[in-house]
C-alpha atoms as a PDB file:
ATOM      1  CA  MET A   1       0.000   0.000   0.000  1.00  0.00           C
ATOM      2  CA  SER A   2       1.294   3.453  -0.909  1.00  0.00           C
ATOM      3  CA  PHE A   3      -0.558   6.759  -0.663  1.00  0.00           C
ATOM      4  CA  ILE A   4      -4.355   6.732  -0.332  1.00  0.00           C
ATOM      5  CA  LEU A   5      -5.543   9.377  -2.779  1.00  0.00           C
ATOM      6  CA  THR A   6      -9.094  10.641  -3.147  1.00  0.00           C
ATOM      7  CA  PRO A   7     -10.443  13.212  -5.645  1.00  0.00           C
ATOM      8  CA  ILE A   8     -10.315  16.877  -4.729  1.00  0.00           C
ATOM      9  CA  ASP A   9     -13.811  18.293  -4.290  1.00  0.00           C
ATOM     10  CA  THR A  10     -14.919  20.038  -7.486  1.00  0.00           C
ATOM     11  CA  VAL A  11     -17.699  22.572  -8.106  1.00  0.00           C
ATOM     12  CA  ASP A  12     -18.691  24.807 -10.992  1.00  0.00           C
ATOM     13  CA  PHE A  13     -19.466  27.753  -8.701  1.00  0.00           C
ATOM     14  CA  ILE A  14     -19.660  28.273  -4.941  1.00  0.00           C
ATOM     15  CA  SER A  15     -21.153  30.896  -2.641  1.00  0.00           C
ATOM     16  CA  THR A  16     -18.985  32.897  -0.275  1.00  0.00           C
ATOM     17  CA  SER A  17     -20.557  31.325   2.809  1.00  0.00           C
ATOM     18  CA  ASP A  18     -20.156  27.774   1.503  1.00  0.00           C
ATOM     19  CA  PHE A  19     -16.550  28.418   0.516  1.00  0.00           C
ATOM     20  CA  GLN A  20     -15.568  30.003   3.810  1.00  0.00           C
ATOM     21  CA  ASN A  21     -17.417  27.509   6.027  1.00  0.00           C
ATOM     22  CA  ASN A  22     -16.580  24.308   4.140  1.00  0.00           C
ATOM     23  CA  TYR A  23     -13.140  25.016   2.633  1.00  0.00           C
ATOM     24  CA  LEU A  24     -11.411  28.175   3.889  1.00  0.00           C
ATOM     25  CA  LYS A  25     -11.975  27.752   7.631  1.00  0.00           C
ATOM     26  CA  PRO A  26     -11.380  23.968   7.750  1.00  0.00           C
ATOM     27  CA  ARG A  27      -8.527  24.370   5.221  1.00  0.00           C
ATOM     28  CA  ARG A  28      -9.801  21.886   2.643  1.00  0.00           C
ATOM     29  CA  PRO A  29      -8.742  22.047  -1.028  1.00  0.00           C
ATOM     30  CA  LEU A  30     -11.300  22.704  -3.731  1.00  0.00           C
ATOM     31  CA  ILE A  31     -11.452  23.053  -7.519  1.00  0.00           C
ATOM     32  CA  ILE A  32     -13.744  25.784  -8.846  1.00  0.00           C
ATOM     33  CA  LYS A  33     -14.251  25.274 -12.556  1.00  0.00           C
ATOM     34  CA  GLY A  34     -16.278  28.424 -13.163  1.00  0.00           C
ATOM     35  CA  LEU A  35     -14.294  30.946 -11.139  1.00  0.00           C
ATOM     36  CA  THR A  36     -12.664  32.278 -14.322  1.00  0.00           C
ATOM     37  CA  SER A  37     -15.839  32.331 -16.413  1.00  0.00           C
ATOM     38  CA  ASN A  38     -15.781  36.156 -16.364  1.00  0.00           C
ATOM     39  CA  TRP A  39     -12.028  36.504 -16.845  1.00  0.00           C
ATOM     40  CA  PRO A  40     -10.883  37.866 -20.222  1.00  0.00           C
ATOM     41  CA  ALA A  41      -7.718  35.799 -19.638  1.00  0.00           C
ATOM     42  CA  ARG A  42      -9.652  32.565 -20.098  1.00  0.00           C
ATOM     43  CA  GLU A  43      -9.895  33.232 -23.832  1.00  0.00           C
ATOM     44  CA  LYS A  44      -7.142  35.807 -24.418  1.00  0.00           C
ATOM     45  CA  TRP A  45      -4.149  34.111 -22.827  1.00  0.00           C
ATOM     46  CA  THR A  46      -3.164  31.897 -25.713  1.00  0.00           C
ATOM     47  CA  PRO A  47       0.519  31.045 -26.240  1.00  0.00           C
ATOM     48  CA  GLY A  48       0.615  33.418 -29.189  1.00  0.00           C
ATOM     49  CA  TYR A  49      -0.826  36.308 -27.205  1.00  0.00           C
ATOM     50  CA  LEU A  50       1.574  35.823 -24.291  1.00  0.00           C
ATOM     51  CA  LYS A  51       4.501  35.686 -26.736  1.00  0.00           C
ATOM     52  CA  GLN A  52       3.296  38.930 -28.277  1.00  0.00           C
ATOM     53  CA  VAL A  53       3.021  40.888 -25.015  1.00  0.00           C
ATOM     54  CA  VAL A  54       6.147  39.521 -23.254  1.00  0.00           C
ATOM     55  CA  GLY A  55       8.372  39.107 -26.317  1.00  0.00           C
ATOM     56  CA  ASN A  56      11.998  38.034 -26.057  1.00  0.00           C
ATOM     57  CA  LYS A  57      12.528  38.846 -22.386  1.00  0.00           C
ATOM     58  CA  VAL A  58      15.164  36.356 -21.142  1.00  0.00           C
ATOM     59  CA  VAL A  59      13.768  34.181 -18.325  1.00  0.00           C
ATOM     60  CA  PRO A  60      15.447  31.678 -15.954  1.00  0.00           C
ATOM     61  CA  LEU A  61      14.426  28.029 -16.408  1.00  0.00           C
ATOM     62  CA  TYR A  62      14.301  25.211 -13.863  1.00  0.00           C
ATOM     63  CA  ASP A  63      14.414  21.449 -14.330  1.00  0.00           C
ATOM     64  CA  ASN A  64      13.068  18.523 -12.282  1.00  0.00           C
ATOM     65  CA  ALA A  65      16.097  18.414  -9.982  1.00  0.00           C
ATOM     66  CA  LYS A  66      15.741  19.842  -6.492  1.00  0.00           C
ATOM     67  CA  ALA A  67      18.473  18.783  -4.143  1.00  0.00           C
ATOM     68  CA  ASP A  68      21.925  19.576  -5.502  1.00  0.00           C
ATOM     69  CA  PRO A  69      23.828  19.942  -2.206  1.00  0.00           C
ATOM     70  CA  SER A  70      26.036  22.659  -3.657  1.00  0.00           C
ATOM     71  CA  LYS A  71      23.216  24.994  -4.727  1.00  0.00           C
ATOM     72  CA  PRO A  72      20.393  26.910  -3.056  1.00  0.00           C
ATOM     73  CA  ILE A  73      16.876  25.613  -3.593  1.00  0.00           C
ATOM     74  CA  ASN A  74      15.333  26.738  -6.902  1.00  0.00           C
ATOM     75  CA  SER A  75      18.611  27.501  -8.662  1.00  0.00           C
ATOM     76  CA  ALA A  76      18.069  28.035 -12.389  1.00  0.00           C
ATOM     77  CA  ALA A  77      19.280  25.337 -14.774  1.00  0.00           C
ATOM     78  CA  ALA A  78      19.237  27.488 -17.924  1.00  0.00           C
ATOM     79  CA  GLU A  79      17.777  30.632 -19.441  1.00  0.00           C
ATOM     80  CA  MET A  80      16.015  31.430 -22.701  1.00  0.00           C
ATOM     81  CA  PRO A  81      14.021  34.207 -24.381  1.00  0.00           C
ATOM     82  CA  PHE A  82      10.380  33.906 -23.328  1.00  0.00           C
ATOM     83  CA  ASP A  83       8.996  33.624 -26.856  1.00  0.00           C
ATOM     84  CA  GLU A  84      11.440  30.804 -27.700  1.00  0.00           C
ATOM     85  CA  TYR A  85      10.527  29.004 -24.487  1.00  0.00           C
ATOM     86  CA  MET A  86       6.817  29.172 -25.342  1.00  0.00           C
ATOM     87  CA  ASP A  87       7.567  27.605 -28.734  1.00  0.00           C
ATOM     88  CA  LEU A  88       9.589  24.892 -26.989  1.00  0.00           C
ATOM     89  CA  ILE A  89       6.892  23.777 -24.550  1.00  0.00           C
ATOM     90  CA  ARG A  90       4.236  23.735 -27.268  1.00  0.00           C
ATOM     91  CA  SER A  91       6.324  21.681 -29.667  1.00  0.00           C
ATOM     92  CA  GLN A  92       7.994  18.944 -27.601  1.00  0.00           C
ATOM     93  CA  PRO A  93       8.317  17.414 -24.116  1.00  0.00           C
ATOM     94  CA  THR A  94      10.788  19.125 -21.804  1.00  0.00           C
ATOM     95  CA  GLU A  95      11.567  19.258 -18.094  1.00  0.00           C
ATOM     96  CA  LEU A  96      12.208  22.984 -18.223  1.00  0.00           C
ATOM     97  CA  ARG A  97       9.875  25.224 -16.205  1.00  0.00           C
ATOM     98  CA  ILE A  98       9.486  28.922 -15.509  1.00  0.00           C
ATOM     99  CA  PHE A  99       9.088  29.355 -11.763  1.00  0.00           C
ATOM    100  CA  PHE A 100       7.295  32.214  -9.978  1.00  0.00           C
ATOM    101  CA  PHE A 101       7.513  34.600 -12.940  1.00  0.00           C
ATOM    102  CA  ASN A 102       6.305  38.190 -12.444  1.00  0.00           C
ATOM    103  CA  ILE A 103       4.937  38.386 -15.970  1.00  0.00           C
ATOM    104  CA  PHE A 104       2.961  41.505 -15.061  1.00  0.00           C
ATOM    105  CA  LYS A 105       6.145  43.505 -14.606  1.00  0.00           C
ATOM    106  CA  HIS A 106       6.815  43.022 -18.316  1.00  0.00           C
ATOM    107  CA  ALA A 107       3.193  43.117 -19.498  1.00  0.00           C
ATOM    108  CA  PRO A 108       1.141  45.049 -16.908  1.00  0.00           C
ATOM    109  CA  GLN A 109      -1.883  45.077 -19.205  1.00  0.00           C
ATOM    110  CA  LEU A 110      -2.393  41.393 -18.365  1.00  0.00           C
ATOM    111  CA  LEU A 111      -3.677  42.454 -14.943  1.00  0.00           C
ATOM    112  CA  ASN A 112      -6.777  43.751 -16.702  1.00  0.00           C
ATOM    113  CA  ASP A 113      -7.558  40.197 -17.841  1.00  0.00           C
ATOM    114  CA  ILE A 114      -8.057  38.680 -14.373  1.00  0.00           C
ATOM    115  CA  VAL A 115     -10.640  39.237 -11.652  1.00  0.00           C
ATOM    116  CA  LEU A 116      -9.441  38.873  -8.074  1.00  0.00           C
ATOM    117  CA  PRO A 117     -11.908  36.626  -6.182  1.00  0.00           C
ATOM    118  CA  LYS A 118     -12.395  39.134  -3.374  1.00  0.00           C
ATOM    119  CA  ASP A 119     -15.927  37.895  -2.796  1.00  0.00           C
ATOM    120  CA  LEU A 120     -14.442  34.613  -1.538  1.00  0.00           C
ATOM    121  CA  MET A 121     -11.413  35.899   0.373  1.00  0.00           C
ATOM    122  CA  GLY A 122     -12.328  39.476   1.219  1.00  0.00           C
ATOM    123  CA  GLY A 123      -9.302  41.738   1.559  1.00  0.00           C
ATOM    124  CA  LEU A 124      -6.857  38.916   2.229  1.00  0.00           C
ATOM    125  CA  LEU A 125      -5.610  38.586  -1.327  1.00  0.00           C
ATOM    126  CA  GLU A 126      -2.185  40.017  -2.028  1.00  0.00           C
ATOM    127  CA  SER A 127      -1.914  42.336  -4.977  1.00  0.00           C
ATOM    128  CA  MET A 128       0.872  40.661  -6.926  1.00  0.00           C
ATOM    129  CA  PRO A 129       0.087  37.446  -8.815  1.00  0.00           C
ATOM    130  CA  ALA A 130       2.765  35.143 -10.252  1.00  0.00           C
ATOM    131  CA  MET A 131       2.865  32.688 -13.134  1.00  0.00           C
ATOM    132  CA  PHE A 132       4.357  29.239 -13.662  1.00  0.00           C
ATOM    133  CA  PHE A 133       5.054  27.559 -17.015  1.00  0.00           C
ATOM    134  CA  GLY A 134       6.062  24.005 -17.854  1.00  0.00           C
ATOM    135  CA  GLY A 135       6.535  21.568 -20.710  1.00  0.00           C
ATOM    136  CA  SER A 136       5.056  18.107 -20.695  1.00  0.00           C
ATOM    137  CA  ASN A 137       7.296  15.959 -18.458  1.00  0.00           C
ATOM    138  CA  SER A 138       8.177  18.885 -16.176  1.00  0.00           C
ATOM    139  CA  VAL A 139       7.465  18.285 -12.499  1.00  0.00           C
ATOM    140  CA  THR A 140       7.145  20.587  -9.517  1.00  0.00           C
ATOM    141  CA  PHE A 141       8.734  18.521  -6.752  1.00  0.00           C
ATOM    142  CA  LEU A 142       6.838  17.712  -3.554  1.00  0.00           C
ATOM    143  CA  HIS A 143       6.943  20.684  -1.162  1.00  0.00           C
ATOM    144  CA  TYR A 144       4.867  23.260   0.664  1.00  0.00           C
ATOM    145  CA  ASP A 145       5.221  27.004   0.139  1.00  0.00           C
ATOM    146  CA  ILE A 146       7.617  28.567   2.584  1.00  0.00           C
ATOM    147  CA  ASP A 147       5.474  31.671   3.211  1.00  0.00           C
ATOM    148  CA  LEU A 148       2.375  29.564   4.041  1.00  0.00           C
ATOM    149  CA  PRO A 149      -0.214  31.399   1.905  1.00  0.00           C
ATOM    150  CA  HIS A 150      -3.628  30.291   0.738  1.00  0.00           C
ATOM    151  CA  ILE A 151      -3.410  29.948  -3.054  1.00  0.00           C
ATOM    152  CA  PHE A 152      -5.874  30.202  -5.933  1.00  0.00           C
ATOM    153  CA  HIS A 153      -4.035  28.358  -8.702  1.00  0.00           C
ATOM    154  CA  THR A 154      -5.638  28.742 -12.151  1.00  0.00           C
ATOM    155  CA  HIS A 155      -4.450  26.641 -15.070  1.00  0.00           C
ATOM    156  CA  PHE A 156      -4.361  27.562 -18.773  1.00  0.00           C
ATOM    157  CA  GLY A 157      -3.653  25.850 -22.055  1.00  0.00           C
ATOM    158  CA  GLY A 158      -3.542  22.166 -21.151  1.00  0.00           C
ATOM    159  CA  ARG A 159      -3.658  19.666 -18.302  1.00  0.00           C
ATOM    160  CA  LYS A 160      -1.793  19.416 -15.017  1.00  0.00           C
ATOM    161  CA  HIS A 161      -1.734  16.494 -12.553  1.00  0.00           C
ATOM    162  CA  VAL A 162      -1.893  17.631  -8.909  1.00  0.00           C
ATOM    163  CA  ILE A 163      -1.424  15.655  -5.662  1.00  0.00           C
ATOM    164  CA  LEU A 164      -1.877  17.323  -2.249  1.00  0.00           C
ATOM    165  CA  PHE A 165      -1.182  16.336   1.364  1.00  0.00           C
ATOM    166  CA  GLU A 166      -2.046  18.111   4.607  1.00  0.00           C
ATOM    167  CA  ASN A 167       0.918  19.729   6.316  1.00  0.00           C
ATOM    168  CA  LYS A 168       0.482  17.553   9.427  1.00  0.00           C
ATOM    169  CA  TRP A 169       1.968  14.627   7.465  1.00  0.00           C
ATOM    170  CA  LYS A 170       5.281  16.375   6.842  1.00  0.00           C
ATOM    171  CA  ARG A 171       7.408  14.037   8.978  1.00  0.00           C
ATOM    172  CA  ARG A 172       5.861  10.935   7.422  1.00  0.00           C
ATOM    173  CA  LEU A 173       6.579  12.540   4.027  1.00  0.00           C
ATOM    174  CA  TYR A 174      10.293  12.647   4.961  1.00  0.00           C
ATOM    175  CA  CYS A 175      10.471  16.435   5.213  1.00  0.00           C
ATOM    176  CA  LEU A 176      14.094  17.554   5.332  1.00  0.00           C
ATOM    177  CA  PRO A 177      15.191  19.655   8.333  1.00  0.00           C
ATOM    178  CA  ASN A 178      15.411  23.423   7.738  1.00  0.00           C
ATOM    179  CA  ALA A 179      13.405  22.942   4.552  1.00  0.00           C
ATOM    180  CA  THR A 180       9.882  22.795   3.180  1.00  0.00           C
ATOM    181  CA  TYR A 181      10.451  19.886   0.820  1.00  0.00           C
ATOM    182  CA  ALA A 182      11.013  16.150   1.008  1.00  0.00           C
ATOM    183  CA  LEU A 183      13.710  13.652   0.153  1.00  0.00           C
ATOM    184  CA  GLU A 184      14.522  13.784  -3.533  1.00  0.00           C
ATOM    185  CA  ASP A 185      14.593  10.121  -4.455  1.00  0.00           C
ATOM    186  CA  TYR A 186      11.085   8.780  -4.043  1.00  0.00           C
ATOM    187  CA  ASP A 187       8.554   8.788  -6.824  1.00  0.00           C
ATOM    188  CA  VAL A 188       5.310  10.425  -5.683  1.00  0.00           C
ATOM    189  CA  LEU A 189       3.331   8.442  -8.254  1.00  0.00           C
ATOM    190  CA  ASN A 190       4.916   5.125  -7.288  1.00  0.00           C
ATOM    191  CA  PRO A 191       6.863   5.427  -4.005  1.00  0.00           C
ATOM    192  CA  ASP A 192       9.165   2.635  -2.859  1.00  0.00           C
ATOM    193  CA  ILE A 193       7.411   1.641   0.362  1.00  0.00           C
ATOM    194  CA  LYS A 194      10.082  -0.899   1.265  1.00  0.00           C
ATOM    195  CA  LYS A 195      12.699   1.850   1.264  1.00  0.00           C
ATOM    196  CA  TYR A 196      10.403   4.524   2.734  1.00  0.00           C
ATOM    197  CA  PRO A 197       7.809   2.663   4.834  1.00  0.00           C
ATOM    198  CA  ALA A 198       6.464   5.802   6.528  1.00  0.00           C
ATOM    199  CA  LEU A 199       4.807   6.798   3.247  1.00  0.00           C
ATOM    200  CA  ALA A 200       2.427   3.834   3.372  1.00  0.00           C
ATOM    201  CA  GLY A 201      -1.181   4.811   3.902  1.00  0.00           C
ATOM    202  CA  ILE A 202      -0.743   8.587   3.995  1.00  0.00           C
ATOM    203  CA  PRO A 203      -4.014  10.125   2.796  1.00  0.00           C
ATOM    204  CA  GLY A 204      -3.950  12.764   0.093  1.00  0.00           C
ATOM    205  CA  THR A 205      -6.093  14.289  -2.619  1.00  0.00           C
ATOM    206  CA  GLU A 206      -5.627  14.294  -6.369  1.00  0.00           C
ATOM    207  CA  ALA A 207      -6.929  16.084  -9.447  1.00  0.00           C
ATOM    208  CA  PHE A 208      -6.235  16.751 -13.115  1.00  0.00           C
ATOM    209  CA  LEU A 209      -6.585  20.476 -13.775  1.00  0.00           C
ATOM    210  CA  GLU A 210      -7.869  21.555 -17.178  1.00  0.00           C
ATOM    211  CA  HIS A 211      -7.949  24.914 -18.956  1.00  0.00           C
ATOM    212  CA  GLY A 212      -9.693  27.513 -16.785  1.00  0.00           C
ATOM    213  CA  ASP A 213      -9.865  25.380 -13.619  1.00  0.00           C
ATOM    214  CA  THR A 214      -8.928  27.064 -10.338  1.00  0.00           C
ATOM    215  CA  LEU A 215      -7.492  25.046  -7.456  1.00  0.00           C
ATOM    216  CA  PHE A 216      -7.897  26.489  -3.966  1.00  0.00           C
ATOM    217  CA  MET A 217      -4.900  25.175  -2.045  1.00  0.00           C
ATOM    218  CA  PRO A 218      -5.029  26.008   1.691  1.00  0.00           C
ATOM    219  CA  THR A 219      -2.075  27.255   3.672  1.00  0.00           C
ATOM    220  CA  GLY A 220       0.698  24.756   4.287  1.00  0.00           C
ATOM    221  CA  TYR A 221      -0.513  22.060   1.906  1.00  0.00           C
ATOM    222  CA  TRP A 222       2.172  19.871   0.382  1.00  0.00           C
ATOM    223  CA  HIS A 223       1.821  19.766  -3.392  1.00  0.00           C
ATOM    224  CA  TRP A 224       3.308  17.832  -6.273  1.00  0.00           C
ATOM    225  CA  MET A 225       2.445  18.895  -9.814  1.00  0.00           C
ATOM    226  CA  LYS A 226       3.204  17.475 -13.238  1.00  0.00           C
ATOM    227  CA  TYR A 227       2.496  19.239 -16.516  1.00  0.00           C
ATOM    228  CA  LEU A 228       0.829  16.753 -18.861  1.00  0.00           C
ATOM    229  CA  ASP A 229       0.854  19.303 -21.687  1.00  0.00           C
ATOM    230  CA  GLY A 230       2.960  22.371 -22.301  1.00  0.00           C
ATOM    231  CA  SER A 231       0.888  24.891 -20.358  1.00  0.00           C
ATOM    232  CA  TYR A 232       0.909  27.526 -17.626  1.00  0.00           C
ATOM    233  CA  SER A 233      -0.734  28.598 -14.388  1.00  0.00           C
ATOM    234  CA  LEU A 234      -1.482  31.767 -12.452  1.00  0.00           C
ATOM    235  CA  SER A 235      -1.234  31.802  -8.645  1.00  0.00           C
ATOM    236  CA  LEU A 236      -3.011  34.358  -6.479  1.00  0.00           C
ATOM    237  CA  ARG A 237      -1.779  34.316  -2.904  1.00  0.00           C
ATOM    238  CA  ALA A 238      -3.556  35.273   0.313  1.00  0.00           C
ATOM    239  CA  TRP A 239      -2.584  35.465   3.965  1.00  0.00           C
ATOM    240  CA  ASP A 240      -4.230  33.135   6.437  1.00  0.00           C
ATOM    241  CA  ALA A 241      -6.213  34.982   9.114  1.00  0.00           C
ATOM    242  CA  SER A 242      -4.357  33.176  11.909  1.00  0.00           C
ATOM    243  CA  VAL A 243      -1.714  35.270  13.690  1.00  0.00           C
ATOM    244  CA  SER A 244       0.304  32.130  14.441  1.00  0.00           C
ATOM    245  CA  ARG A 245       0.286  31.246  10.716  1.00  0.00           C
ATOM    246  CA  LYS A 246       1.630  34.685   9.832  1.00  0.00           C
ATOM    247  CA  ALA A 247       4.342  34.332  12.473  1.00  0.00           C
ATOM    248  CA  ALA A 248       5.265  30.908  11.079  1.00  0.00           C
ATOM    249  CA  SER A 249       5.509  32.454   7.617  1.00  0.00           C
ATOM    250  CA  VAL A 250       7.992  35.076   8.811  1.00  0.00           C
ATOM    251  CA  TYR A 251       9.993  32.400  10.651  1.00  0.00           C
ATOM    252  CA  ASN A 252      10.123  30.156   7.578  1.00  0.00           C
ATOM    253  CA  LEU A 253      11.294  32.956   5.322  1.00  0.00           C
ATOM    254  CA  ALA A 254      13.948  34.153   7.769  1.00  0.00           C
ATOM    255  CA  VAL A 255      15.257  30.835   9.062  1.00  0.00           C
ATOM    256  CA  LYS A 256      14.356  27.927   6.809  1.00  0.00           C
ATOM    257  CA  GLY A 257      14.886  29.674   3.489  1.00  0.00           C
ATOM    258  CA  GLY A 258      18.136  31.454   4.261  1.00  0.00           C
ATOM    259  CA  LEU A 259      19.613  28.887   6.626  1.00  0.00           C
ATOM    260  CA  ASP A 260      18.991  25.957   4.300  1.00  0.00           C
ATOM    261  CA  SER A 261      20.729  27.670   1.389  1.00  0.00           C
ATOM    262  CA  LEU A 262      23.707  28.756   3.496  1.00  0.00           C
ATOM    263  CA  LEU A 263      24.249  25.288   4.956  1.00  0.00           C
ATOM    264  CA  LYS A 264      23.934  23.633   1.553  1.00  0.00           C
ATOM    265  CA  MET A 265      26.587  25.895   0.076  1.00  0.00           C
ATOM    266  CA  ALA A 266      28.910  25.676   3.092  1.00  0.00           C
ATOM    267  CA  LEU A 267      28.720  21.970   3.943  1.00  0.00           C
ATOM    268  CA  LYS A 268      27.571  20.446   0.631  1.00  0.00           C
ATOM    269  CA  ASP A 269      27.473  16.616   0.758  1.00  0.00           C
ATOM    270  CA  ARG A 270      27.898  16.440   4.549  1.00  0.00           C
ATOM    271  CA  TYR A 271      24.804  18.567   5.058  1.00  0.00           C
ATOM    272  CA  ALA A 272      22.859  16.594   2.452  1.00  0.00           C
ATOM    273  CA  ARG A 273      23.633  13.296   4.202  1.00  0.00           C
ATOM    274  CA  TYR A 274      22.868  14.749   7.641  1.00  0.00           C
ATOM    275  CA  ARG A 275      19.440  16.061   6.788  1.00  0.00           C
ATOM    276  CA  GLU A 276      18.455  12.937   4.860  1.00  0.00           C
ATOM    277  CA  ASN A 277      19.344  10.845   7.921  1.00  0.00           C
ATOM    278  CA  VAL A 278      17.334  13.152  10.173  1.00  0.00           C
ATOM    279  CA  ALA A 279      14.331  13.019   7.827  1.00  0.00           C
ATOM    280  CA  ILE A 280      14.428   9.214   7.822  1.00  0.00           C
ATOM    281  CA  ARG A 281      14.712   8.969  11.614  1.00  0.00           C
ATOM    282  CA  ARG A 282      11.819  11.368  12.142  1.00  0.00           C
ATOM    283  CA  ALA A 283       9.634   9.533   9.651  1.00  0.00           C
ATOM    284  CA  GLU A 284      10.347   6.160  11.215  1.00  0.00           C
ATOM    285  CA  LYS A 285       9.601   7.529  14.695  1.00  0.00           C
ATOM    286  CA  ALA A 286       6.274   9.019  13.545  1.00  0.00           C
ATOM    287  CA  LEU A 287       5.341   5.737  11.875  1.00  0.00           C
ATOM    288  CA  ALA A 288       6.198   3.722  15.001  1.00  0.00           C
ATOM    289  CA  GLN A 289       4.061   6.028  17.140  1.00  0.00           C
ATOM    290  CA  GLY A 290       1.166   5.787  14.699  1.00  0.00           C
ATOM    291  CA  LYS A 291       1.123   9.555  14.206  1.00  0.00           C
ATOM    292  CA  PRO A 292       1.453  11.798  11.158  1.00  0.00           C
ATOM    293  CA  TYR A 293       4.024  14.003  12.943  1.00  0.00           C
END
């Protein structure tokens, strides 16, 4: 037995009260298929249009690797003009992704094509969205976001496979110390339970996002994503109302983000081996105690 995955709840539309009572407050993921029905972006944001408005701006690209002990997390693997990259992901499989791209800095008119879902989240939404692009075969490794936001993640132009886990399972997921991601060498789709027994039976949720779908991903959720087609997504981020969650966000940014990168660069392989051993010991202890953490 590996992970126990169930479908993410999916609706066409949802009222504010239903969303807040059944998903925001209990922190449950949800797919809203009709949230973007009034967005100009749903029809306008074709690959050709994005190429036209962004042009040949050179962008950093990331591959499926995540744990080079000599580099900080999210170090770029290559760079390429944006229009050439868009041609690449639409023409052939590739691991290369654009990560957390402020496309609106280069094409501010795109902001006019989206509608912030303030009726669902009130004033919590931050003002600056970000975009993510990937070719078929590109994978966003299993992690949770270091700043602990709620996220509305809208997909365009193809399909994306998504698997989510509650944050309480982080030790059983072999979370590395000083980090918000897991060991690099287990396959989320087919984990080796003999090698990593603590993964067995962890419950999660799963979905296949299509063009125009919006995933609400609550604060702290672990997520793994695979682009099935060359496509792209927009993430809108929001603070959780909890004061303790905001404090944890500041702590993560100050300590986990900076400290992890410094130790990786300073200690390299020694640090990599140390934290993998710690992650394994913690996972085995949690499994023996019958707890997720």
